Amino acid sequence: MIDQIRNQFLFAAGPEANELFNNDAQGILSGKTSVDDIRSRAQRAANEMRKLQRELGGESDPVDGYLSILDHFLSKTGSLAPTTKASARVLKSR
């Protein structure tokens, strides 16, 4: 599953994005990282992108694309219990 995500979304990403993904995947599987941890970072990134959009004077196609992905993730994971560990869900889905 991790390789599928990596191949589908990170094939053109730089080494920093791949390293972040690998660290997060390991954290989730080990239980050291929760969905709330990832959601918090996604929310901060979305806020920063909205600020950038305002500074650019409106819409920006690259920023809009990233915001759409972040907003989708945030909406889909918003109903999860705060203490739910992603690793348990990943393991159950296998």
PDB file of N, CA and C in Angstrom:
ATOM      1  N   MET A   1       0.829  -1.184   0.000  1.00  0.00           N
ATOM      2  CA  MET A   1       0.000   0.000   0.000  1.00  0.00           C
ATOM      3  C   MET A   1       0.883   1.261   0.000  1.00  0.00           C
ATOM      4  N   ILE A   2       1.928   1.254   0.795  1.00  0.00           N
ATOM      5  CA  ILE A   2       2.833   2.400   0.862  1.00  0.00           C
ATOM      6  C   ILE A   2       3.533   2.599  -0.475  1.00  0.00           C
ATOM      7  N   ASP A   3       3.948   1.500  -1.098  1.00  0.00           N
ATOM      8  CA  ASP A   3       4.589   1.615  -2.411  1.00  0.00           C
ATOM      9  C   ASP A   3       3.614   2.147  -3.450  1.00  0.00           C
ATOM     10  N   GLN A   4       2.361   1.746  -3.371  1.00  0.00           N
ATOM     11  CA  GLN A   4       1.351   2.237  -4.309  1.00  0.00           C
ATOM     12  C   GLN A   4       1.177   3.749  -4.158  1.00  0.00           C
ATOM     13  N   ILE A   5       1.106   4.225  -2.938  1.00  0.00           N
ATOM     14  CA  ILE A   5       0.977   5.666  -2.695  1.00  0.00           C
ATOM     15  C   ILE A   5       2.218   6.386  -3.203  1.00  0.00           C
ATOM     16  N   ARG A   6       3.357   5.842  -2.894  1.00  0.00           N
ATOM     17  CA  ARG A   6       4.618   6.454  -3.320  1.00  0.00           C
ATOM     18  C   ARG A   6       4.665   6.553  -4.849  1.00  0.00           C
ATOM     19  N   ASN A   7       4.313   5.462  -5.553  1.00  0.00           N
ATOM     20  CA  ASN A   7       4.343   5.453  -7.012  1.00  0.00           C
ATOM     21  C   ASN A   7       3.299   6.379  -7.623  1.00  0.00           C
ATOM     22  N   GLN A   8       2.143   6.452  -7.005  1.00  0.00           N
ATOM     23  CA  GLN A   8       1.051   7.242  -7.568  1.00  0.00           C
ATOM     24  C   GLN A   8       1.220   8.735  -7.323  1.00  0.00           C
ATOM     25  N   PHE A   9       1.711   9.124  -6.157  1.00  0.00           N
ATOM     26  CA  PHE A   9       1.726  10.535  -5.798  1.00  0.00           C
ATOM     27  C   PHE A   9       3.112  11.161  -5.690  1.00  0.00           C
ATOM     28  N   LEU A  10       4.119  10.363  -5.449  1.00  0.00           N
ATOM     29  CA  LEU A  10       5.431  10.927  -5.173  1.00  0.00           C
ATOM     30  C   LEU A  10       6.468  10.671  -6.261  1.00  0.00           C
ATOM     31  N   PHE A  11       6.045  10.138  -7.393  1.00  0.00           N
ATOM     32  CA  PHE A  11       7.010   9.805  -8.437  1.00  0.00           C
ATOM     33  C   PHE A  11       7.780  11.023  -8.938  1.00  0.00           C
ATOM     34  N   ALA A  12       7.153  12.190  -8.939  1.00  0.00           N
ATOM     35  CA  ALA A  12       7.818  13.404  -9.427  1.00  0.00           C
ATOM     36  C   ALA A  12       8.225  14.336  -8.287  1.00  0.00           C
ATOM     37  N   ALA A  13       8.013  13.904  -7.061  1.00  0.00           N
ATOM     38  CA  ALA A  13       8.325  14.755  -5.908  1.00  0.00           C
ATOM     39  C   ALA A  13       9.822  14.743  -5.638  1.00  0.00           C
ATOM     40  N   GLY A  14      10.268  15.779  -4.997  1.00  0.00           N
ATOM     41  CA  GLY A  14      11.680  15.893  -4.650  1.00  0.00           C
ATOM     42  C   GLY A  14      12.045  15.007  -3.476  1.00  0.00           C
ATOM     43  N   PRO A  15      13.326  14.947  -3.171  1.00  0.00           N
ATOM     44  CA  PRO A  15      13.788  14.086  -2.081  1.00  0.00           C
ATOM     45  C   PRO A  15      13.227  14.488  -0.718  1.00  0.00           C
ATOM     46  N   GLU A  16      12.984  15.788  -0.511  1.00  0.00           N
ATOM     47  CA  GLU A  16      12.438  16.230   0.777  1.00  0.00           C
ATOM     48  C   GLU A  16      11.028  15.688   0.985  1.00  0.00           C
ATOM     49  N   ALA A  17      10.208  15.728  -0.057  1.00  0.00           N
ATOM     50  CA  ALA A  17       8.836  15.213   0.055  1.00  0.00           C
ATOM     51  C   ALA A  17       8.844  13.711   0.290  1.00  0.00           C
ATOM     52  N   ASN A  18       9.719  13.005  -0.405  1.00  0.00           N
ATOM     53  CA  ASN A  18       9.805  11.564  -0.214  1.00  0.00           C
ATOM     54  C   ASN A  18      10.287  11.212   1.184  1.00  0.00           C
ATOM     55  N   GLU A  19      11.235  11.969   1.698  1.00  0.00           N
ATOM     56  CA  GLU A  19      11.729  11.718   3.055  1.00  0.00           C
ATOM     57  C   GLU A  19      10.630  11.978   4.087  1.00  0.00           C
ATOM     58  N   LEU A  20       9.888  13.062   3.906  1.00  0.00           N
ATOM     59  CA  LEU A  20       8.778  13.365   4.816  1.00  0.00           C
ATOM     60  C   LEU A  20       7.746  12.246   4.783  1.00  0.00           C
ATOM     61  N   PHE A  21       7.391  11.792   3.581  1.00  0.00           N
ATOM     62  CA  PHE A  21       6.436  10.694   3.454  1.00  0.00           C
ATOM     63  C   PHE A  21       6.947   9.444   4.166  1.00  0.00           C
ATOM     64  N   ASN A  22       8.199   9.085   3.927  1.00  0.00           N
ATOM     65  CA  ASN A  22       8.761   7.887   4.556  1.00  0.00           C
ATOM     66  C   ASN A  22       8.742   7.990   6.077  1.00  0.00           C
ATOM     67  N   ASN A  23       9.124   9.146   6.604  1.00  0.00           N
ATOM     68  CA  ASN A  23       9.111   9.346   8.059  1.00  0.00           C
ATOM     69  C   ASN A  23       7.698   9.248   8.621  1.00  0.00           C
ATOM     70  N   ASP A  24       6.737   9.869   7.918  1.00  0.00           N
ATOM     71  CA  ASP A  24       5.351   9.814   8.381  1.00  0.00           C
ATOM     72  C   ASP A  24       4.797   8.393   8.315  1.00  0.00           C
ATOM     73  N   ALA A  25       5.090   7.686   7.232  1.00  0.00           N
ATOM     74  CA  ALA A  25       4.609   6.305   7.100  1.00  0.00           C
ATOM     75  C   ALA A  25       5.171   5.436   8.223  1.00  0.00           C
ATOM     76  N   GLN A  26       6.453   5.579   8.512  1.00  0.00           N
ATOM     77  CA  GLN A  26       7.054   4.812   9.605  1.00  0.00           C
ATOM     78  C   GLN A  26       6.432   5.199  10.945  1.00  0.00           C
ATOM     79  N   GLY A  27       6.186   6.485  11.137  1.00  0.00           N
ATOM     80  CA  GLY A  27       5.573   6.949  12.382  1.00  0.00           C
ATOM     81  C   GLY A  27       4.174   6.411  12.569  1.00  0.00           C
ATOM     82  N   ILE A  28       3.405   6.391  11.486  1.00  0.00           N
ATOM     83  CA  ILE A  28       2.030   5.875  11.559  1.00  0.00           C
ATOM     84  C   ILE A  28       2.045   4.385  11.864  1.00  0.00           C
ATOM     85  N   LEU A  29       2.866   3.649  11.152  1.00  0.00           N
ATOM     86  CA  LEU A  29       2.908   2.197  11.356  1.00  0.00           C
ATOM     87  C   LEU A  29       3.430   1.813  12.735  1.00  0.00           C
ATOM     88  N   SER A  30       4.305   2.624  13.299  1.00  0.00           N
ATOM     89  CA  SER A  30       4.838   2.315  14.622  1.00  0.00           C
ATOM     90  C   SER A  30       3.947   2.844  15.744  1.00  0.00           C
ATOM     91  N   GLY A  31       2.981   3.693  15.399  1.00  0.00           N
ATOM     92  CA  GLY A  31       2.110   4.271  16.418  1.00  0.00           C
ATOM     93  C   GLY A  31       2.648   5.547  17.031  1.00  0.00           C
ATOM     94  N   LYS A  32       3.805   6.016  16.576  1.00  0.00           N
ATOM     95  CA  LYS A  32       4.386   7.247  17.106  1.00  0.00           C
ATOM     96  C   LYS A  32       3.720   8.493  16.529  1.00  0.00           C
ATOM     97  N   THR A  33       3.073   8.347  15.392  1.00  0.00           N
ATOM     98  CA  THR A  33       2.400   9.457  14.726  1.00  0.00           C
ATOM     99  C   THR A  33       0.920   9.119  14.604  1.00  0.00           C
ATOM    100  N   SER A  34       0.073  10.076  14.934  1.00  0.00           N
ATOM    101  CA  SER A  34      -1.365   9.856  14.819  1.00  0.00           C
ATOM    102  C   SER A  34      -1.920  10.642  13.632  1.00  0.00           C
ATOM    103  N   VAL A  35      -3.143  10.342  13.278  1.00  0.00           N
ATOM    104  CA  VAL A  35      -3.819  11.098  12.229  1.00  0.00           C
ATOM    105  C   VAL A  35      -3.916  12.558  12.643  1.00  0.00           C
ATOM    106  N   ASP A  36      -4.127  12.807  13.915  1.00  0.00           N
ATOM    107  CA  ASP A  36      -4.197  14.196  14.394  1.00  0.00           C
ATOM    108  C   ASP A  36      -2.890  14.945  14.156  1.00  0.00           C
ATOM    109  N   ASP A  37      -1.767  14.258  14.306  1.00  0.00           N
ATOM    110  CA  ASP A  37      -0.470  14.886  14.027  1.00  0.00           C
ATOM    111  C   ASP A  37      -0.399  15.321  12.558  1.00  0.00           C
ATOM    112  N   ILE A  38      -0.805  14.431  11.680  1.00  0.00           N
ATOM    113  CA  ILE A  38      -0.770  14.727  10.243  1.00  0.00           C
ATOM    114  C   ILE A  38      -1.793  15.815   9.912  1.00  0.00           C
ATOM    115  N   ARG A  39      -2.970  15.734  10.512  1.00  0.00           N
ATOM    116  CA  ARG A  39      -4.006  16.760  10.278  1.00  0.00           C
ATOM    117  C   ARG A  39      -3.520  18.142  10.710  1.00  0.00           C
ATOM    118  N   SER A  40      -2.836  18.211  11.821  1.00  0.00           N
ATOM    119  CA  SER A  40      -2.325  19.499  12.301  1.00  0.00           C
ATOM    120  C   SER A  40      -1.347  20.100  11.310  1.00  0.00           C
ATOM    121  N   ARG A  41      -0.460  19.284  10.798  1.00  0.00           N
ATOM    122  CA  ARG A  41       0.499  19.775   9.803  1.00  0.00           C
ATOM    123  C   ARG A  41      -0.209  20.176   8.514  1.00  0.00           C
ATOM    124  N   ALA A  42      -1.205  19.393   8.101  1.00  0.00           N
ATOM    125  CA  ALA A  42      -1.958  19.720   6.888  1.00  0.00           C
ATOM    126  C   ALA A  42      -2.706  21.032   7.065  1.00  0.00           C
ATOM    127  N   GLN A  43      -3.275  21.248   8.251  1.00  0.00           N
ATOM    128  CA  GLN A  43      -4.006  22.492   8.502  1.00  0.00           C
ATOM    129  C   GLN A  43      -3.063  23.692   8.475  1.00  0.00           C
ATOM    130  N   ARG A  44      -1.891  23.544   9.080  1.00  0.00           N
ATOM    131  CA  ARG A  44      -0.908  24.634   9.038  1.00  0.00           C
ATOM    132  C   ARG A  44      -0.481  24.933   7.605  1.00  0.00           C
ATOM    133  N   ALA A  45      -0.249  23.883   6.826  1.00  0.00           N
ATOM    134  CA  ALA A  45       0.152  24.077   5.426  1.00  0.00           C
ATOM    135  C   ALA A  45      -0.957  24.771   4.639  1.00  0.00           C
ATOM    136  N   ALA A  46      -2.212  24.369   4.861  1.00  0.00           N
ATOM    137  CA  ALA A  46      -3.334  25.006   4.165  1.00  0.00           C
ATOM    138  C   ALA A  46      -3.440  26.478   4.546  1.00  0.00           C
ATOM    139  N   ASN A  47      -3.260  26.770   5.813  1.00  0.00           N
ATOM    140  CA  ASN A  47      -3.309  28.170   6.260  1.00  0.00           C
ATOM    141  C   ASN A  47      -2.203  28.995   5.605  1.00  0.00           C
ATOM    142  N   GLU A  48      -1.009  28.415   5.535  1.00  0.00           N
ATOM    143  CA  GLU A  48       0.108  29.121   4.910  1.00  0.00           C
ATOM    144  C   GLU A  48      -0.148  29.341   3.420  1.00  0.00           C
ATOM    145  N   MET A  49      -0.749  28.361   2.767  1.00  0.00           N
ATOM    146  CA  MET A  49      -1.044  28.501   1.341  1.00  0.00           C
ATOM    147  C   MET A  49      -2.122  29.553   1.086  1.00  0.00           C
ATOM    148  N   ARG A  50      -3.102  29.601   1.970  1.00  0.00           N
ATOM    149  CA  ARG A  50      -4.127  30.644   1.819  1.00  0.00           C
ATOM    150  C   ARG A  50      -3.514  32.040   2.003  1.00  0.00           C
ATOM    151  N   LYS A  51      -2.595  32.145   2.927  1.00  0.00           N
ATOM    152  CA  LYS A  51      -1.888  33.414   3.118  1.00  0.00           C
ATOM    153  C   LYS A  51      -1.101  33.767   1.857  1.00  0.00           C
ATOM    154  N   LEU A  52      -0.418  32.792   1.281  1.00  0.00           N
ATOM    155  CA  LEU A  52       0.328  33.006   0.048  1.00  0.00           C
ATOM    156  C   LEU A  52      -0.601  33.439  -1.082  1.00  0.00           C
ATOM    157  N   GLN A  53      -1.761  32.802  -1.161  1.00  0.00           N
ATOM    158  CA  GLN A  53      -2.742  33.180  -2.183  1.00  0.00           C
ATOM    159  C   GLN A  53      -3.143  34.647  -2.040  1.00  0.00           C
ATOM    160  N   ARG A  54      -3.400  35.061  -0.815  1.00  0.00           N
ATOM    161  CA  ARG A  54      -3.789  36.466  -0.592  1.00  0.00           C
ATOM    162  C   ARG A  54      -2.651  37.393  -1.013  1.00  0.00           C
ATOM    163  N   GLU A  55      -1.420  37.003  -0.697  1.00  0.00           N
ATOM    164  CA  GLU A  55      -0.274  37.824  -1.074  1.00  0.00           C
ATOM    165  C   GLU A  55      -0.098  37.890  -2.586  1.00  0.00           C
ATOM    166  N   LEU A  56      -0.473  36.814  -3.286  1.00  0.00           N
ATOM    167  CA  LEU A  56      -0.358  36.788  -4.741  1.00  0.00           C
ATOM    168  C   LEU A  56      -1.533  37.497  -5.417  1.00  0.00           C
ATOM    169  N   GLY A  57      -2.513  37.886  -4.613  1.00  0.00           N
ATOM    170  CA  GLY A  57      -3.633  38.638  -5.158  1.00  0.00           C
ATOM    171  C   GLY A  57      -4.759  37.790  -5.710  1.00  0.00           C
ATOM    172  N   GLY A  58      -5.020  36.675  -5.120  1.00  0.00           N
ATOM    173  CA  GLY A  58      -6.156  35.867  -5.565  1.00  0.00           C
ATOM    174  C   GLY A  58      -5.769  34.440  -5.819  1.00  0.00           C
ATOM    175  N   GLU A  59      -6.297  33.925  -6.914  1.00  0.00           N
ATOM    176  CA  GLU A  59      -6.088  32.519  -7.229  1.00  0.00           C
ATOM    177  C   GLU A  59      -4.716  32.282  -7.852  1.00  0.00           C
ATOM    178  N   SER A  60      -4.193  31.137  -7.572  1.00  0.00           N
ATOM    179  CA  SER A  60      -2.942  30.676  -8.155  1.00  0.00           C
ATOM    180  C   SER A  60      -3.105  29.188  -8.413  1.00  0.00           C
ATOM    181  N   ASP A  61      -3.058  28.780  -9.659  1.00  0.00           N
ATOM    182  CA  ASP A  61      -3.340  27.388 -10.005  1.00  0.00           C
ATOM    183  C   ASP A  61      -2.545  26.369  -9.199  1.00  0.00           C
ATOM    184  N   PRO A  62      -1.227  26.511  -9.069  1.00  0.00           N
ATOM    185  CA  PRO A  62      -0.496  25.513  -8.270  1.00  0.00           C
ATOM    186  C   PRO A  62      -0.949  25.493  -6.812  1.00  0.00           C
ATOM    187  N   VAL A  63      -1.170  26.667  -6.254  1.00  0.00           N
ATOM    188  CA  VAL A  63      -1.609  26.730  -4.860  1.00  0.00           C
ATOM    189  C   VAL A  63      -3.012  26.149  -4.731  1.00  0.00           C
ATOM    190  N   ASP A  64      -3.888  26.438  -5.688  1.00  0.00           N
ATOM    191  CA  ASP A  64      -5.248  25.897  -5.657  1.00  0.00           C
ATOM    192  C   ASP A  64      -5.241  24.371  -5.654  1.00  0.00           C
ATOM    193  N   GLY A  65      -4.365  23.776  -6.450  1.00  0.00           N
ATOM    194  CA  GLY A  65      -4.287  22.317  -6.509  1.00  0.00           C
ATOM    195  C   GLY A  65      -3.877  21.716  -5.179  1.00  0.00           C
ATOM    196  N   TYR A  66      -2.853  22.278  -4.571  1.00  0.00           N
ATOM    197  CA  TYR A  66      -2.401  21.779  -3.269  1.00  0.00           C
ATOM    198  C   TYR A  66      -3.462  22.007  -2.194  1.00  0.00           C
ATOM    199  N   LEU A  67      -4.111  23.171  -2.235  1.00  0.00           N
ATOM    200  CA  LEU A  67      -5.161  23.447  -1.253  1.00  0.00           C
ATOM    201  C   LEU A  67      -6.308  22.456  -1.385  1.00  0.00           C
ATOM    202  N   SER A  68      -6.650  22.124  -2.602  1.00  0.00           N
ATOM    203  CA  SER A  68      -7.725  21.158  -2.829  1.00  0.00           C
ATOM    204  C   SER A  68      -7.385  19.809  -2.200  1.00  0.00           C
ATOM    205  N   ILE A  69      -6.157  19.363  -2.378  1.00  0.00           N
ATOM    206  CA  ILE A  69      -5.718  18.089  -1.793  1.00  0.00           C
ATOM    207  C   ILE A  69      -5.754  18.156  -0.269  1.00  0.00           C
ATOM    208  N   LEU A  70      -5.215  19.225   0.296  1.00  0.00           N
ATOM    209  CA  LEU A  70      -5.202  19.372   1.754  1.00  0.00           C
ATOM    210  C   LEU A  70      -6.615  19.458   2.319  1.00  0.00           C
ATOM    211  N   ASP A  71      -7.471  20.264   1.684  1.00  0.00           N
ATOM    212  CA  ASP A  71      -8.846  20.406   2.163  1.00  0.00           C
ATOM    213  C   ASP A  71      -9.606  19.087   2.089  1.00  0.00           C
ATOM    214  N   HIS A  72      -9.362  18.321   1.040  1.00  0.00           N
ATOM    215  CA  HIS A  72     -10.012  17.015   0.909  1.00  0.00           C
ATOM    216  C   HIS A  72      -9.561  16.087   2.048  1.00  0.00           C
ATOM    217  N   PHE A  73      -8.260  16.043   2.288  1.00  0.00           N
ATOM    218  CA  PHE A  73      -7.736  15.226   3.387  1.00  0.00           C
ATOM    219  C   PHE A  73      -8.336  15.661   4.716  1.00  0.00           C
ATOM    220  N   LEU A  74      -8.360  16.964   4.960  1.00  0.00           N
ATOM    221  CA  LEU A  74      -8.882  17.475   6.231  1.00  0.00           C
ATOM    222  C   LEU A  74     -10.363  17.138   6.392  1.00  0.00           C
ATOM    223  N   SER A  75     -11.128  17.228   5.315  1.00  0.00           N
ATOM    224  CA  SER A  75     -12.565  16.923   5.426  1.00  0.00           C
ATOM    225  C   SER A  75     -12.795  15.429   5.640  1.00  0.00           C
ATOM    226  N   LYS A  76     -11.992  14.596   4.997  1.00  0.00           N
ATOM    227  CA  LYS A  76     -12.170  13.148   5.127  1.00  0.00           C
ATOM    228  C   LYS A  76     -11.715  12.626   6.482  1.00  0.00           C
ATOM    229  N   THR A  77     -10.774  13.277   7.106  1.00  0.00           N
ATOM    230  CA  THR A  77     -10.256  12.791   8.381  1.00  0.00           C
ATOM    231  C   THR A  77     -10.830  13.556   9.567  1.00  0.00           C
ATOM    232  N   GLY A  78     -11.705  14.508   9.322  1.00  0.00           N
ATOM    233  CA  GLY A  78     -12.263  15.331  10.395  1.00  0.00           C
ATOM    234  C   GLY A  78     -13.159  14.575  11.342  1.00  0.00           C
ATOM    235  N   SER A  79     -13.737  13.470  10.895  1.00  0.00           N
ATOM    236  CA  SER A  79     -14.674  12.737  11.746  1.00  0.00           C
ATOM    237  C   SER A  79     -13.997  11.636  12.555  1.00  0.00           C
ATOM    238  N   LEU A  80     -12.683  11.491  12.414  1.00  0.00           N
ATOM    239  CA  LEU A  80     -11.977  10.465  13.177  1.00  0.00           C
ATOM    240  C   LEU A  80     -11.841  10.881  14.628  1.00  0.00           C
ATOM    241  N   ALA A  81     -11.910   9.915  15.495  1.00  0.00           N
ATOM    242  CA  ALA A  81     -11.730  10.190  16.916  1.00  0.00           C
ATOM    243  C   ALA A  81     -10.313  10.689  17.154  1.00  0.00           C
ATOM    244  N   PRO A  82     -10.136  11.683  18.022  1.00  0.00           N
ATOM    245  CA  PRO A  82      -8.805  12.249  18.244  1.00  0.00           C
ATOM    246  C   PRO A  82      -7.756  11.247  18.689  1.00  0.00           C
ATOM    247  N   THR A  83      -8.151  10.203  19.369  1.00  0.00           N
ATOM    248  CA  THR A  83      -7.173   9.253  19.875  1.00  0.00           C
ATOM    249  C   THR A  83      -6.954   8.073  18.939  1.00  0.00           C
ATOM    250  N   THR A  84      -7.674   8.040  17.825  1.00  0.00           N
ATOM    251  CA  THR A  84      -7.541   6.928  16.895  1.00  0.00           C
ATOM    252  C   THR A  84      -6.171   6.957  16.242  1.00  0.00           C
ATOM    253  N   LYS A  85      -5.501   5.844  16.260  1.00  0.00           N
ATOM    254  CA  LYS A  85      -4.194   5.738  15.629  1.00  0.00           C
ATOM    255  C   LYS A  85      -4.379   5.217  14.205  1.00  0.00           C
ATOM    256  N   ALA A  86      -3.743   5.866  13.277  1.00  0.00           N
ATOM    257  CA  ALA A  86      -3.841   5.464  11.880  1.00  0.00           C
ATOM    258  C   ALA A  86      -3.275   4.071  11.666  1.00  0.00           C
ATOM    259  N   SER A  87      -2.278   3.702  12.437  1.00  0.00           N
ATOM    260  CA  SER A  87      -1.651   2.397  12.236  1.00  0.00           C
ATOM    261  C   SER A  87      -2.655   1.264  12.428  1.00  0.00           C
ATOM    262  N   ALA A  88      -3.573   1.414  13.353  1.00  0.00           N
ATOM    263  CA  ALA A  88      -4.576   0.376  13.578  1.00  0.00           C
ATOM    264  C   ALA A  88      -5.483   0.237  12.363  1.00  0.00           C
ATOM    265  N   ARG A  89      -5.868   1.367  11.763  1.00  0.00           N
ATOM    266  CA  ARG A  89      -6.723   1.329  10.577  1.00  0.00           C
ATOM    267  C   ARG A  89      -5.974   0.751   9.387  1.00  0.00           C
ATOM    268  N   VAL A  90      -4.708   1.097   9.229  1.00  0.00           N
ATOM    269  CA  VAL A  90      -3.921   0.587   8.115  1.00  0.00           C
ATOM    270  C   VAL A  90      -3.803  -0.919   8.218  1.00  0.00           C
ATOM    271  N   LEU A  91      -3.501  -1.412   9.401  1.00  0.00           N
ATOM    272  CA  LEU A  91      -3.333  -2.844   9.586  1.00  0.00           C
ATOM    273  C   LEU A  91      -4.639  -3.598   9.384  1.00  0.00           C
ATOM    274  N   LYS A  92      -5.764  -3.019   9.812  1.00  0.00           N
ATOM    275  CA  LYS A  92      -7.064  -3.676   9.642  1.00  0.00           C
ATOM    276  C   LYS A  92      -7.469  -3.731   8.178  1.00  0.00           C
ATOM    277  N   SER A  93      -7.031  -2.760   7.376  1.00  0.00           N
ATOM    278  CA  SER A  93      -7.443  -2.715   5.983  1.00  0.00           C
ATOM    279  C   SER A  93      -6.689  -3.715   5.107  1.00  0.00           C
ATOM    280  N   ARG A  94      -5.658  -4.329   5.637  1.00  0.00           N
ATOM    281  CA  ARG A  94      -4.860  -5.288   4.846  1.00  0.00           C
ATOM    282  C   ARG A  94      -5.529  -6.619   4.738  1.00  0.00           C
TER     283      ARG A  94
END
